[in-house]
Amino acid sequence: MFTEKPRSFTDWDEGEARPHSAALIVNARSRAAQSAAAVALDYLSLLDVPVATTLVLDDPTRLPDTVREAIADGNDLVILGGGDGSVSSVAGILAENDAVLGLLPLGTANDFARTLGIPFELREACKTVARGAVARIDLGLAGNNYFVNVASMGLGSAVAEALSPRLKHTVGSLAYPVAAVRAYMGQEPFEAGIAFPDEDHEAVDICGLVHVALGNGRYYGGDMMIAPDSGIDDQILDVYAIEASDLPNLTRIMWGLRNGDFVEDECVHHWRTRRAWIVTEPRLPLNLDGELVSRTPLHFSIVPDAMNVLVPRASNELQMTWQYEERPLAEMAL
């Protein structure tokens, strides 16, 4: 979701912004990706998207190098088929090279696509790549690692550890609540010290926590809302910490994650800031968009207007920066 008055769209010259060459890169380990690459290539060809390279990767650890090589080869549009973890792993590379991301949501939760309004259905996602608007969105930074949705520790990391590929394949997006129950059963409370380098909030030291998260986007964990006013172009991190509680109250808090109301609970601390420093006792692993990366202590910050991504241009609020030439739908044979 974008803020009510977006300020992260840029006026690019249409001739300069139109991509000259695109690379289609599909993470075949994502849940729906096994048969998607060939189908997506057919759709994109019918839509006249200039796909010069198509790569299907069985090893997701190759994604960063593959995207870097695709950009070095002259592809100014990277069409990525995968989930939130796939996007997060290459966000910094796209940002640093000012490349445009076209996303085909093929993951389990697809919260990044949900935030941006990108359709989950493959044909419609390809149409967004062909006819969308380029938006500049914020990225979060945890140490030296970029993230698009959320960075979390405590329950968030425990959920990531409990999310096996088999569970994702078996129950799809329901894997997240199932993993959350498993994680809660084994979660030990921890202490966190949170400081705000911009001095927009007082530093705090809170004991008995079960979850701390810093959100850049709007959704994470399979349609859970980061905060009521969260947006991916508001140049703000939403930081919240949840204290341990009895199961009924924690269940109520978790239910409130569906609409953001959880931040009003007395067991939840919520701040909006551009930078935060977090120390925990004990040290905890960090979950970045579903992947375990690094450990506390860490510095977190927002990187405004960092990455270009194609979004649907149906909303009157979106300012289109480039598009492919209009053609009647009948000619697209879709």
C-alpha atoms as a PDB file:
ATOM      1  CA  MET A   1       0.000   0.000   0.000  1.00  0.00           C
ATOM      2  CA  PHE A   2       1.219   3.440  -0.866  1.00  0.00           C
ATOM      3  CA  THR A   3       0.774   6.487   1.321  1.00  0.00           C
ATOM      4  CA  GLU A   4      -2.277   8.652   0.727  1.00  0.00           C
ATOM      5  CA  LYS A   5      -0.211  11.282  -1.078  1.00  0.00           C
ATOM      6  CA  PRO A   6       2.628   9.395  -2.784  1.00  0.00           C
ATOM      7  CA  ARG A   7       5.819  11.346  -3.161  1.00  0.00           C
ATOM      8  CA  SER A   8       8.071   8.594  -4.458  1.00  0.00           C
ATOM      9  CA  PHE A   9       7.119   8.582  -8.128  1.00  0.00           C
ATOM     10  CA  THR A  10       9.563  10.253 -10.474  1.00  0.00           C
ATOM     11  CA  ASP A  11       9.066  11.944 -13.826  1.00  0.00           C
ATOM     12  CA  TRP A  12      11.291   9.986 -16.143  1.00  0.00           C
ATOM     13  CA  ASP A  13      11.516  10.770 -19.823  1.00  0.00           C
ATOM     14  CA  GLU A  14       9.484   8.061 -21.541  1.00  0.00           C
ATOM     15  CA  GLY A  15      12.154   7.409 -24.144  1.00  0.00           C
ATOM     16  CA  GLU A  16      14.831   6.928 -21.491  1.00  0.00           C
ATOM     17  CA  ALA A  17      12.697   4.934 -19.090  1.00  0.00           C
ATOM     18  CA  ARG A  18      11.367   2.381 -21.541  1.00  0.00           C
ATOM     19  CA  PRO A  19      13.486  -0.740 -20.992  1.00  0.00           C
ATOM     20  CA  HIS A  20      15.639  -1.845 -23.901  1.00  0.00           C
ATOM     21  CA  SER A  21      16.201  -5.384 -22.676  1.00  0.00           C
ATOM     22  CA  ALA A  22      14.723  -7.598 -19.970  1.00  0.00           C
ATOM     23  CA  ALA A  23      15.936 -10.673 -18.120  1.00  0.00           C
ATOM     24  CA  LEU A  24      13.375 -13.171 -16.843  1.00  0.00           C
ATOM     25  CA  ILE A  25      14.808 -14.919 -13.766  1.00  0.00           C
ATOM     26  CA  VAL A  26      12.698 -17.496 -11.933  1.00  0.00           C
ATOM     27  CA  ASN A  27      13.484 -19.022  -8.557  1.00  0.00           C
ATOM     28  CA  ALA A  28      12.316 -22.579  -9.140  1.00  0.00           C
ATOM     29  CA  ARG A  29      12.397 -23.302  -5.398  1.00  0.00           C
ATOM     30  CA  SER A  30       9.464 -20.959  -4.782  1.00  0.00           C
ATOM     31  CA  ARG A  31       6.152 -22.727  -4.331  1.00  0.00           C
ATOM     32  CA  ALA A  32       4.471 -22.071  -7.683  1.00  0.00           C
ATOM     33  CA  ALA A  33       7.516 -21.651  -9.891  1.00  0.00           C
ATOM     34  CA  GLN A  34       8.198 -25.083 -11.335  1.00  0.00           C
ATOM     35  CA  SER A  35       5.991 -24.648 -14.421  1.00  0.00           C
ATOM     36  CA  ALA A  36       5.703 -20.870 -14.402  1.00  0.00           C
ATOM     37  CA  ALA A  37       8.774 -19.815 -16.413  1.00  0.00           C
ATOM     38  CA  ALA A  38       7.632 -21.111 -19.818  1.00  0.00           C
ATOM     39  CA  VAL A  39       4.082 -19.823 -19.326  1.00  0.00           C
ATOM     40  CA  ALA A  40       5.325 -16.395 -18.223  1.00  0.00           C
ATOM     41  CA  LEU A  41       7.673 -16.175 -21.210  1.00  0.00           C
ATOM     42  CA  ASP A  42       4.748 -16.838 -23.566  1.00  0.00           C
ATOM     43  CA  TYR A  43       2.638 -14.128 -21.936  1.00  0.00           C
ATOM     44  CA  LEU A  44       5.490 -11.603 -21.941  1.00  0.00           C
ATOM     45  CA  SER A  45       6.281 -12.311 -25.599  1.00  0.00           C
ATOM     46  CA  LEU A  46       2.656 -11.703 -26.575  1.00  0.00           C
ATOM     47  CA  LEU A  47       2.824  -8.426 -24.681  1.00  0.00           C
ATOM     48  CA  ASP A  48       5.979  -7.381 -26.572  1.00  0.00           C
ATOM     49  CA  VAL A  49       8.158  -7.249 -23.460  1.00  0.00           C
ATOM     50  CA  PRO A  50      11.754  -7.449 -24.781  1.00  0.00           C
ATOM     51  CA  VAL A  51      12.929 -10.535 -22.881  1.00  0.00           C
ATOM     52  CA  ALA A  52      16.487 -11.241 -23.994  1.00  0.00           C
ATOM     53  CA  THR A  53      17.441 -13.792 -21.319  1.00  0.00           C
ATOM     54  CA  THR A  54      15.481 -16.452 -19.428  1.00  0.00           C
ATOM     55  CA  LEU A  55      17.024 -18.259 -16.463  1.00  0.00           C
ATOM     56  CA  VAL A  56      15.420 -20.817 -14.143  1.00  0.00           C
ATOM     57  CA  LEU A  57      17.380 -21.359 -10.926  1.00  0.00           C
ATOM     58  CA  ASP A  58      17.097 -24.453  -8.752  1.00  0.00           C
ATOM     59  CA  ASP A  59      19.522 -22.943  -6.253  1.00  0.00           C
ATOM     60  CA  PRO A  60      18.165 -19.683  -4.750  1.00  0.00           C
ATOM     61  CA  THR A  61      21.615 -18.743  -3.444  1.00  0.00           C
ATOM     62  CA  ARG A  62      22.546 -18.019  -7.073  1.00  0.00           C
ATOM     63  CA  LEU A  63      19.920 -15.286  -7.381  1.00  0.00           C
ATOM     64  CA  PRO A  64      22.093 -12.306  -6.353  1.00  0.00           C
ATOM     65  CA  ASP A  65      24.944 -13.183  -8.719  1.00  0.00           C
ATOM     66  CA  THR A  66      22.501 -13.994 -11.527  1.00  0.00           C
ATOM     67  CA  VAL A  67      20.706 -10.652 -11.192  1.00  0.00           C
ATOM     68  CA  ARG A  68      24.020  -8.814 -11.011  1.00  0.00           C
ATOM     69  CA  GLU A  69      25.203 -10.533 -14.195  1.00  0.00           C
ATOM     70  CA  ALA A  70      21.905  -9.849 -15.969  1.00  0.00           C
ATOM     71  CA  ILE A  71      22.225  -6.126 -15.258  1.00  0.00           C
ATOM     72  CA  ALA A  72      25.887  -6.112 -16.300  1.00  0.00           C
ATOM     73  CA  ASP A  73      24.808  -7.665 -19.616  1.00  0.00           C
ATOM     74  CA  GLY A  74      22.647  -4.612 -20.335  1.00  0.00           C
ATOM     75  CA  ASN A  75      19.243  -5.691 -19.058  1.00  0.00           C
ATOM     76  CA  ASP A  76      17.595  -2.644 -17.491  1.00  0.00           C
ATOM     77  CA  LEU A  77      14.443  -4.582 -16.532  1.00  0.00           C
ATOM     78  CA  VAL A  78      14.696  -7.633 -14.280  1.00  0.00           C
ATOM     79  CA  ILE A  79      11.539  -9.739 -14.231  1.00  0.00           C
ATOM     80  CA  LEU A  80      11.786 -11.865 -11.116  1.00  0.00           C
ATOM     81  CA  GLY A  81       9.616 -14.908 -10.486  1.00  0.00           C
ATOM     82  CA  GLY A  82       9.672 -15.774  -6.805  1.00  0.00           C
ATOM     83  CA  GLY A  83       8.513 -14.863  -3.324  1.00  0.00           C
ATOM     84  CA  ASP A  84       9.384 -12.221  -0.759  1.00  0.00           C
ATOM     85  CA  GLY A  85      12.713 -13.826   0.085  1.00  0.00           C
ATOM     86  CA  SER A  86      13.734 -13.753  -3.579  1.00  0.00           C
ATOM     87  CA  VAL A  87      12.974 -10.033  -3.838  1.00  0.00           C
ATOM     88  CA  SER A  88      14.729  -9.255  -0.563  1.00  0.00           C
ATOM     89  CA  SER A  89      17.881 -11.092  -1.624  1.00  0.00           C
ATOM     90  CA  VAL A  90      18.355  -8.922  -4.727  1.00  0.00           C
ATOM     91  CA  ALA A  91      16.781  -5.619  -3.611  1.00  0.00           C
ATOM     92  CA  GLY A  92      20.123  -4.005  -2.858  1.00  0.00           C
ATOM     93  CA  ILE A  93      21.555  -4.988  -6.243  1.00  0.00           C
ATOM     94  CA  LEU A  94      18.550  -3.540  -8.080  1.00  0.00           C
ATOM     95  CA  ALA A  95      18.709  -0.352  -6.023  1.00  0.00           C
ATOM     96  CA  GLU A  96      22.429   0.184  -6.480  1.00  0.00           C
ATOM     97  CA  ASN A  97      22.149  -0.272 -10.255  1.00  0.00           C
ATOM     98  CA  ASP A  98      18.930   1.742 -10.664  1.00  0.00           C
ATOM     99  CA  ALA A  99      17.340  -1.207 -12.486  1.00  0.00           C
ATOM    100  CA  VAL A 100      13.575  -1.765 -12.711  1.00  0.00           C
ATOM    101  CA  LEU A 101      11.963  -4.790 -11.048  1.00  0.00           C
ATOM    102  CA  GLY A 102       9.015  -6.539 -12.638  1.00  0.00           C
ATOM    103  CA  LEU A 103       7.606  -9.060 -10.169  1.00  0.00           C
ATOM    104  CA  LEU A 104       5.829 -12.341 -10.836  1.00  0.00           C
ATOM    105  CA  PRO A 105       4.578 -13.428  -7.369  1.00  0.00           C
ATOM    106  CA  LEU A 106       5.388 -17.124  -7.101  1.00  0.00           C
ATOM    107  CA  GLY A 107       6.036 -17.476  -3.374  1.00  0.00           C
ATOM    108  CA  THR A 108       3.927 -18.684  -0.470  1.00  0.00           C
ATOM    109  CA  ALA A 109       2.791 -15.400   1.092  1.00  0.00           C
ATOM    110  CA  ASN A 110       3.714 -12.809  -1.578  1.00  0.00           C
ATOM    111  CA  ASP A 111       3.319  -9.947   0.893  1.00  0.00           C
ATOM    112  CA  PHE A 112       5.518  -7.594  -1.139  1.00  0.00           C
ATOM    113  CA  ALA A 113       3.207  -8.037  -4.122  1.00  0.00           C
ATOM    114  CA  ARG A 114       0.185  -7.605  -1.841  1.00  0.00           C
ATOM    115  CA  THR A 115       1.569  -4.296  -0.560  1.00  0.00           C
ATOM    116  CA  LEU A 116       2.069  -3.019  -4.114  1.00  0.00           C
ATOM    117  CA  GLY A 117      -1.223  -4.349  -5.475  1.00  0.00           C
ATOM    118  CA  ILE A 118       0.533  -6.650  -7.959  1.00  0.00           C
ATOM    119  CA  PRO A 119      -1.872  -9.450  -9.003  1.00  0.00           C
ATOM    120  CA  PHE A 120      -0.997 -12.966  -7.886  1.00  0.00           C
ATOM    121  CA  GLU A 121      -2.405 -14.531 -11.063  1.00  0.00           C
ATOM    122  CA  LEU A 122       0.451 -15.035 -13.514  1.00  0.00           C
ATOM    123  CA  ARG A 123      -1.225 -13.598 -16.601  1.00  0.00           C
ATOM    124  CA  GLU A 124      -2.272 -10.432 -14.761  1.00  0.00           C
ATOM    125  CA  ALA A 125       1.179 -10.061 -13.204  1.00  0.00           C
ATOM    126  CA  CYS A 126       2.691 -10.199 -16.709  1.00  0.00           C
ATOM    127  CA  LYS A 127       0.295  -7.455 -17.800  1.00  0.00           C
ATOM    128  CA  THR A 128       1.545  -5.331 -14.900  1.00  0.00           C
ATOM    129  CA  VAL A 129       5.107  -5.840 -16.150  1.00  0.00           C
ATOM    130  CA  ALA A 130       4.065  -4.798 -19.666  1.00  0.00           C
ATOM    131  CA  ARG A 131       1.741  -1.895 -18.872  1.00  0.00           C
ATOM    132  CA  GLY A 132       2.488  -0.809 -15.321  1.00  0.00           C
ATOM    133  CA  ALA A 133       3.899   2.333 -13.782  1.00  0.00           C
ATOM    134  CA  VAL A 134       7.367   2.502 -12.290  1.00  0.00           C
ATOM    135  CA  ALA A 135       7.222   3.458  -8.609  1.00  0.00           C
ATOM    136  CA  ARG A 136      10.168   4.293  -6.405  1.00  0.00           C
ATOM    137  CA  ILE A 137       9.806   2.533  -3.067  1.00  0.00           C
ATOM    138  CA  ASP A 138      11.693   2.540   0.218  1.00  0.00           C
ATOM    139  CA  LEU A 139      13.900  -0.284   1.421  1.00  0.00           C
ATOM    140  CA  GLY A 140      14.790  -1.230   4.957  1.00  0.00           C
ATOM    141  CA  LEU A 141      18.395  -1.816   5.954  1.00  0.00           C
ATOM    142  CA  ALA A 142      19.465  -4.145   8.770  1.00  0.00           C
ATOM    143  CA  GLY A 143      23.208  -3.827   9.176  1.00  0.00           C
ATOM    144  CA  ASN A 144      24.363  -4.362   5.587  1.00  0.00           C
ATOM    145  CA  ASN A 145      21.299  -6.369   4.517  1.00  0.00           C
ATOM    146  CA  TYR A 146      18.328  -4.870   2.676  1.00  0.00           C
ATOM    147  CA  PHE A 147      14.738  -5.949   3.278  1.00  0.00           C
ATOM    148  CA  VAL A 148      11.445  -5.072   1.605  1.00  0.00           C
ATOM    149  CA  ASN A 149       8.771  -6.090   4.119  1.00  0.00           C
ATOM    150  CA  VAL A 150       9.932  -6.636   7.669  1.00  0.00           C
ATOM    151  CA  ALA A 151      12.873  -7.499   9.912  1.00  0.00           C
ATOM    152  CA  SER A 152      11.980  -9.408  13.070  1.00  0.00           C
ATOM    153  CA  MET A 153      13.404 -11.333  15.988  1.00  0.00           C
ATOM    154  CA  GLY A 154      11.894 -13.601  18.583  1.00  0.00           C
ATOM    155  CA  LEU A 155       8.692 -15.175  17.268  1.00  0.00           C
ATOM    156  CA  GLY A 156       9.462 -13.937  13.758  1.00  0.00           C
ATOM    157  CA  SER A 157      12.722 -15.868  13.607  1.00  0.00           C
ATOM    158  CA  ALA A 158      11.198 -18.901  15.300  1.00  0.00           C
ATOM    159  CA  VAL A 159       8.444 -18.933  12.665  1.00  0.00           C
ATOM    160  CA  ALA A 160      11.061 -18.814   9.908  1.00  0.00           C
ATOM    161  CA  GLU A 161      12.823 -21.801  11.477  1.00  0.00           C
ATOM    162  CA  ALA A 162       9.516 -23.702  11.736  1.00  0.00           C
ATOM    163  CA  LEU A 163       8.559 -23.015   8.101  1.00  0.00           C
ATOM    164  CA  SER A 164       9.804 -26.062   6.261  1.00  0.00           C
ATOM    165  CA  PRO A 165       9.534 -26.324   2.439  1.00  0.00           C
ATOM    166  CA  ARG A 166       7.270 -29.334   2.974  1.00  0.00           C
ATOM    167  CA  LEU A 167       4.905 -27.323   5.171  1.00  0.00           C
ATOM    168  CA  LYS A 168       4.748 -24.499   2.608  1.00  0.00           C
ATOM    169  CA  HIS A 169       4.074 -26.947  -0.208  1.00  0.00           C
ATOM    170  CA  THR A 170       1.400 -28.794   1.758  1.00  0.00           C
ATOM    171  CA  VAL A 171      -0.728 -25.964   3.170  1.00  0.00           C
ATOM    172  CA  GLY A 172       0.420 -22.854   1.273  1.00  0.00           C
ATOM    173  CA  SER A 173      -0.208 -19.550   3.098  1.00  0.00           C
ATOM    174  CA  LEU A 174      -1.676 -21.474   6.067  1.00  0.00           C
ATOM    175  CA  ALA A 175       1.889 -22.532   6.782  1.00  0.00           C
ATOM    176  CA  TYR A 176       2.442 -19.213   8.579  1.00  0.00           C
ATOM    177  CA  PRO A 177      -0.205 -19.584  11.318  1.00  0.00           C
ATOM    178  CA  VAL A 178       0.737 -23.247  11.738  1.00  0.00           C
ATOM    179  CA  ALA A 179       4.399 -22.314  12.129  1.00  0.00           C
ATOM    180  CA  ALA A 180       3.457 -19.449  14.483  1.00  0.00           C
ATOM    181  CA  VAL A 181       1.729 -21.877  16.877  1.00  0.00           C
ATOM    182  CA  ARG A 182       4.756 -24.178  16.813  1.00  0.00           C
ATOM    183  CA  ALA A 183       7.086 -21.228  17.398  1.00  0.00           C
ATOM    184  CA  TYR A 184       5.037 -19.864  20.308  1.00  0.00           C
ATOM    185  CA  MET A 185       5.142 -23.205  22.118  1.00  0.00           C
ATOM    186  CA  GLY A 186       8.945 -23.062  22.256  1.00  0.00           C
ATOM    187  CA  GLN A 187       9.473 -19.305  22.601  1.00  0.00           C
ATOM    188  CA  GLU A 188      11.455 -18.000  25.578  1.00  0.00           C
ATOM    189  CA  PRO A 189      10.990 -14.310  26.580  1.00  0.00           C
ATOM    190  CA  PHE A 190      13.969 -12.039  26.004  1.00  0.00           C
ATOM    191  CA  GLU A 191      15.166  -8.538  26.862  1.00  0.00           C
ATOM    192  CA  ALA A 192      15.699  -5.806  24.267  1.00  0.00           C
ATOM    193  CA  GLY A 193      17.305  -2.383  24.429  1.00  0.00           C
ATOM    194  CA  ILE A 194      16.076  -0.056  21.674  1.00  0.00           C
ATOM    195  CA  ALA A 195      17.744   3.300  20.980  1.00  0.00           C
ATOM    196  CA  PHE A 196      16.757   5.908  18.407  1.00  0.00           C
ATOM    197  CA  PRO A 197      19.790   7.736  16.909  1.00  0.00           C
ATOM    198  CA  ASP A 198      17.622  10.589  15.598  1.00  0.00           C
ATOM    199  CA  GLU A 199      16.416  11.200  19.195  1.00  0.00           C
ATOM    200  CA  ASP A 200      12.785  11.196  18.065  1.00  0.00           C
ATOM    201  CA  HIS A 201      11.959   8.747  20.892  1.00  0.00           C
ATOM    202  CA  GLU A 202      13.399   7.943  24.291  1.00  0.00           C
ATOM    203  CA  ALA A 203      15.624   4.875  24.486  1.00  0.00           C
ATOM    204  CA  VAL A 204      13.950   1.915  26.190  1.00  0.00           C
ATOM    205  CA  ASP A 205      14.975  -1.334  27.859  1.00  0.00           C
ATOM    206  CA  ILE A 206      12.130  -3.867  27.952  1.00  0.00           C
ATOM    207  CA  CYS A 207      12.147  -7.314  29.558  1.00  0.00           C
ATOM    208  CA  GLY A 208       9.819 -10.217  28.850  1.00  0.00           C
ATOM    209  CA  LEU A 209       9.432  -9.739  25.119  1.00  0.00           C
ATOM    210  CA  VAL A 210       8.430 -12.437  22.655  1.00  0.00           C
ATOM    211  CA  HIS A 211       8.634 -10.478  19.401  1.00  0.00           C
ATOM    212  CA  VAL A 212      10.276  -7.354  17.976  1.00  0.00           C
ATOM    213  CA  ALA A 213       9.730  -6.238  14.377  1.00  0.00           C
ATOM    214  CA  LEU A 214      10.675  -3.344  12.123  1.00  0.00           C
ATOM    215  CA  GLY A 215       8.444  -2.906   9.106  1.00  0.00           C
ATOM    216  CA  ASN A 216       9.138  -1.160   5.816  1.00  0.00           C
ATOM    217  CA  GLY A 217       6.154  -2.383   3.796  1.00  0.00           C
ATOM    218  CA  ARG A 218       2.564  -2.989   4.838  1.00  0.00           C
ATOM    219  CA  TYR A 219       2.138  -6.775   4.992  1.00  0.00           C
ATOM    220  CA  TYR A 220       4.210  -9.741   6.107  1.00  0.00           C
ATOM    221  CA  GLY A 221       3.832 -13.331   7.258  1.00  0.00           C
ATOM    222  CA  GLY A 222       0.896 -14.121   4.993  1.00  0.00           C
ATOM    223  CA  ASP A 223      -1.381 -11.043   5.108  1.00  0.00           C
ATOM    224  CA  MET A 224      -0.472  -9.733   8.576  1.00  0.00           C
ATOM    225  CA  MET A 225      -0.403  -5.937   8.744  1.00  0.00           C
ATOM    226  CA  ILE A 226       2.696  -4.191  10.049  1.00  0.00           C
ATOM    227  CA  ALA A 227       0.782  -1.177  11.429  1.00  0.00           C
ATOM    228  CA  PRO A 228      -2.409   0.732  10.546  1.00  0.00           C
ATOM    229  CA  ASP A 229      -0.603   3.584   8.750  1.00  0.00           C
ATOM    230  CA  SER A 230       2.316   1.636   7.337  1.00  0.00           C
ATOM    231  CA  GLY A 231       3.307   2.145   3.710  1.00  0.00           C
ATOM    232  CA  ILE A 232       6.210   1.241   1.505  1.00  0.00           C
ATOM    233  CA  ASP A 233       6.869   4.793   0.362  1.00  0.00           C
ATOM    234  CA  ASP A 234       6.334   6.727   3.626  1.00  0.00           C
ATOM    235  CA  GLN A 235      10.086   6.895   4.431  1.00  0.00           C
ATOM    236  CA  ILE A 236       9.434   5.506   7.919  1.00  0.00           C
ATOM    237  CA  LEU A 237      10.105   2.264   9.790  1.00  0.00           C
ATOM    238  CA  ASP A 238       7.317   0.977  12.008  1.00  0.00           C
ATOM    239  CA  VAL A 239       8.962  -0.580  15.079  1.00  0.00           C
ATOM    240  CA  TYR A 240       6.993  -2.632  17.578  1.00  0.00           C
ATOM    241  CA  ALA A 241       7.749  -4.909  20.502  1.00  0.00           C
ATOM    242  CA  ILE A 242       5.288  -7.438  21.949  1.00  0.00           C
ATOM    243  CA  GLU A 243       5.513  -8.478  25.602  1.00  0.00           C
ATOM    244  CA  ALA A 244       4.867 -12.024  26.770  1.00  0.00           C
ATOM    245  CA  SER A 245       1.261 -12.565  27.810  1.00  0.00           C
ATOM    246  CA  ASP A 246      -1.218 -15.322  28.498  1.00  0.00           C
ATOM    247  CA  LEU A 247      -2.380 -17.324  25.504  1.00  0.00           C
ATOM    248  CA  PRO A 248      -5.847 -15.661  25.176  1.00  0.00           C
ATOM    249  CA  ASN A 249      -4.352 -12.152  25.106  1.00  0.00           C
ATOM    250  CA  LEU A 250      -1.552 -13.159  22.756  1.00  0.00           C
ATOM    251  CA  THR A 251      -4.152 -14.766  20.481  1.00  0.00           C
ATOM    252  CA  ARG A 252      -6.074 -11.481  20.490  1.00  0.00           C
ATOM    253  CA  ILE A 253      -2.885  -9.607  19.599  1.00  0.00           C
ATOM    254  CA  MET A 254      -2.130 -12.032  16.781  1.00  0.00           C
ATOM    255  CA  TRP A 255      -5.687 -11.623  15.478  1.00  0.00           C
ATOM    256  CA  GLY A 256      -5.155  -7.850  15.517  1.00  0.00           C
ATOM    257  CA  LEU A 257      -2.218  -8.300  13.156  1.00  0.00           C
ATOM    258  CA  ARG A 258      -4.783  -8.775  10.400  1.00  0.00           C
ATOM    259  CA  ASN A 259      -5.812  -5.124  10.519  1.00  0.00           C
ATOM    260  CA  GLY A 260      -3.063  -3.442  12.527  1.00  0.00           C
ATOM    261  CA  ASP A 261      -5.195  -2.931  15.654  1.00  0.00           C
ATOM    262  CA  PHE A 262      -2.675  -4.914  17.712  1.00  0.00           C
ATOM    263  CA  VAL A 263      -0.533  -1.780  18.236  1.00  0.00           C
ATOM    264  CA  GLU A 264      -3.238  -0.431  20.589  1.00  0.00           C
ATOM    265  CA  ASP A 265      -2.827  -3.343  23.014  1.00  0.00           C
ATOM    266  CA  GLU A 266      -1.167  -2.547  26.366  1.00  0.00           C
ATOM    267  CA  CYS A 267       1.332  -5.355  25.766  1.00  0.00           C
ATOM    268  CA  VAL A 268       2.538  -3.793  22.517  1.00  0.00           C
ATOM    269  CA  HIS A 269       5.037  -0.916  22.195  1.00  0.00           C
ATOM    270  CA  HIS A 270       5.005   0.953  18.872  1.00  0.00           C
ATOM    271  CA  TRP A 271       7.276   3.645  17.429  1.00  0.00           C
ATOM    272  CA  ARG A 272       7.669   5.268  13.999  1.00  0.00           C
ATOM    273  CA  THR A 273      11.212   6.303  13.137  1.00  0.00           C
ATOM    274  CA  ARG A 274      13.877   6.395  10.448  1.00  0.00           C
ATOM    275  CA  ARG A 275      16.629   4.698  12.475  1.00  0.00           C
ATOM    276  CA  ALA A 276      16.879   2.314  15.430  1.00  0.00           C
ATOM    277  CA  TRP A 277      19.608   0.422  17.274  1.00  0.00           C
ATOM    278  CA  ILE A 278      18.555  -2.870  18.888  1.00  0.00           C
ATOM    279  CA  VAL A 279      20.443  -5.012  21.392  1.00  0.00           C
ATOM    280  CA  THR A 280      18.927  -8.203  22.818  1.00  0.00           C
ATOM    281  CA  GLU A 281      19.768 -10.553  25.649  1.00  0.00           C
ATOM    282  CA  PRO A 282      20.361 -13.234  24.597  1.00  0.00           C
ATOM    283  CA  ARG A 283      21.576 -12.445  21.084  1.00  0.00           C
ATOM    284  CA  LEU A 284      18.889 -13.456  18.594  1.00  0.00           C
ATOM    285  CA  PRO A 285      18.834 -14.477  14.929  1.00  0.00           C
ATOM    286  CA  LEU A 286      17.210 -11.986  12.572  1.00  0.00           C
ATOM    287  CA  ASN A 287      14.424 -12.862  10.140  1.00  0.00           C
ATOM    288  CA  LEU A 288      14.506 -10.701   6.996  1.00  0.00           C
ATOM    289  CA  ASP A 289      11.471 -11.317   4.763  1.00  0.00           C
ATOM    290  CA  GLY A 290      11.342 -14.980   5.732  1.00  0.00           C
ATOM    291  CA  GLU A 291      15.078 -15.682   5.635  1.00  0.00           C
ATOM    292  CA  LEU A 292      17.343 -15.936   8.686  1.00  0.00           C
ATOM    293  CA  VAL A 293      20.154 -13.405   8.216  1.00  0.00           C
ATOM    294  CA  SER A 294      22.622 -12.110  10.828  1.00  0.00           C
ATOM    295  CA  ARG A 295      22.040 -11.682  14.592  1.00  0.00           C
ATOM    296  CA  THR A 296      21.538  -8.878  17.088  1.00  0.00           C
ATOM    297  CA  PRO A 297      22.843  -6.319  17.971  1.00  0.00           C
ATOM    298  CA  LEU A 298      22.078  -4.419  14.761  1.00  0.00           C
ATOM    299  CA  HIS A 299      21.420  -0.952  13.419  1.00  0.00           C
ATOM    300  CA  PHE A 300      18.257  -0.536  11.326  1.00  0.00           C
ATOM    301  CA  SER A 301      17.398   2.303   8.969  1.00  0.00           C
ATOM    302  CA  ILE A 302      15.137   3.314   6.105  1.00  0.00           C
ATOM    303  CA  VAL A 303      16.522   3.985   2.623  1.00  0.00           C
ATOM    304  CA  PRO A 304      14.001   6.331   0.956  1.00  0.00           C
ATOM    305  CA  ASP A 305      13.041   6.022  -2.726  1.00  0.00           C
ATOM    306  CA  ALA A 306      15.607   3.279  -3.139  1.00  0.00           C
ATOM    307  CA  MET A 307      14.218   0.816  -5.698  1.00  0.00           C
ATOM    308  CA  ASN A 308      12.224   0.980  -8.940  1.00  0.00           C
ATOM    309  CA  VAL A 309       9.369  -1.514  -9.274  1.00  0.00           C
ATOM    310  CA  LEU A 310       6.517  -1.905 -11.733  1.00  0.00           C
ATOM    311  CA  VAL A 311       3.072  -1.572 -10.160  1.00  0.00           C
ATOM    312  CA  PRO A 312      -0.462  -1.564 -11.611  1.00  0.00           C
ATOM    313  CA  ARG A 313      -1.490   1.840 -12.881  1.00  0.00           C
ATOM    314  CA  ALA A 314      -5.212   1.466 -12.163  1.00  0.00           C
ATOM    315  CA  SER A 315      -5.075   3.852  -9.201  1.00  0.00           C
ATOM    316  CA  ASN A 316      -5.488   7.547  -9.957  1.00  0.00           C
ATOM    317  CA  GLU A 317      -2.806   8.216  -7.346  1.00  0.00           C
ATOM    318  CA  LEU A 318      -0.119   6.465  -9.362  1.00  0.00           C
ATOM    319  CA  GLN A 319       1.927   8.559 -11.745  1.00  0.00           C
ATOM    320  CA  MET A 320       3.038   6.499 -14.712  1.00  0.00           C
ATOM    321  CA  THR A 321       6.694   6.865 -15.603  1.00  0.00           C
ATOM    322  CA  TRP A 322       6.804   4.609 -18.633  1.00  0.00           C
ATOM    323  CA  GLN A 323       4.599   2.092 -20.365  1.00  0.00           C
ATOM    324  CA  TYR A 324       4.537  -0.073 -23.435  1.00  0.00           C
ATOM    325  CA  GLU A 325       2.517   1.030 -26.420  1.00  0.00           C
ATOM    326  CA  GLU A 326      -1.198   0.366 -25.944  1.00  0.00           C
ATOM    327  CA  ARG A 327      -2.660  -2.507 -27.970  1.00  0.00           C
ATOM    328  CA  PRO A 328      -6.245  -3.821 -27.985  1.00  0.00           C
ATOM    329  CA  LEU A 329      -6.726  -6.762 -25.648  1.00  0.00           C
ATOM    330  CA  ALA A 330      -7.892  -8.892 -28.566  1.00  0.00           C
ATOM    331  CA  GLU A 331      -4.465  -8.532 -30.157  1.00  0.00           C
ATOM    332  CA  MET A 332      -2.761  -9.849 -27.039  1.00  0.00           C
ATOM    333  CA  ALA A 333      -4.574 -13.205 -27.282  1.00  0.00           C
ATOM    334  CA  LEU A 334      -4.614 -13.410 -23.482  1.00  0.00           C
END
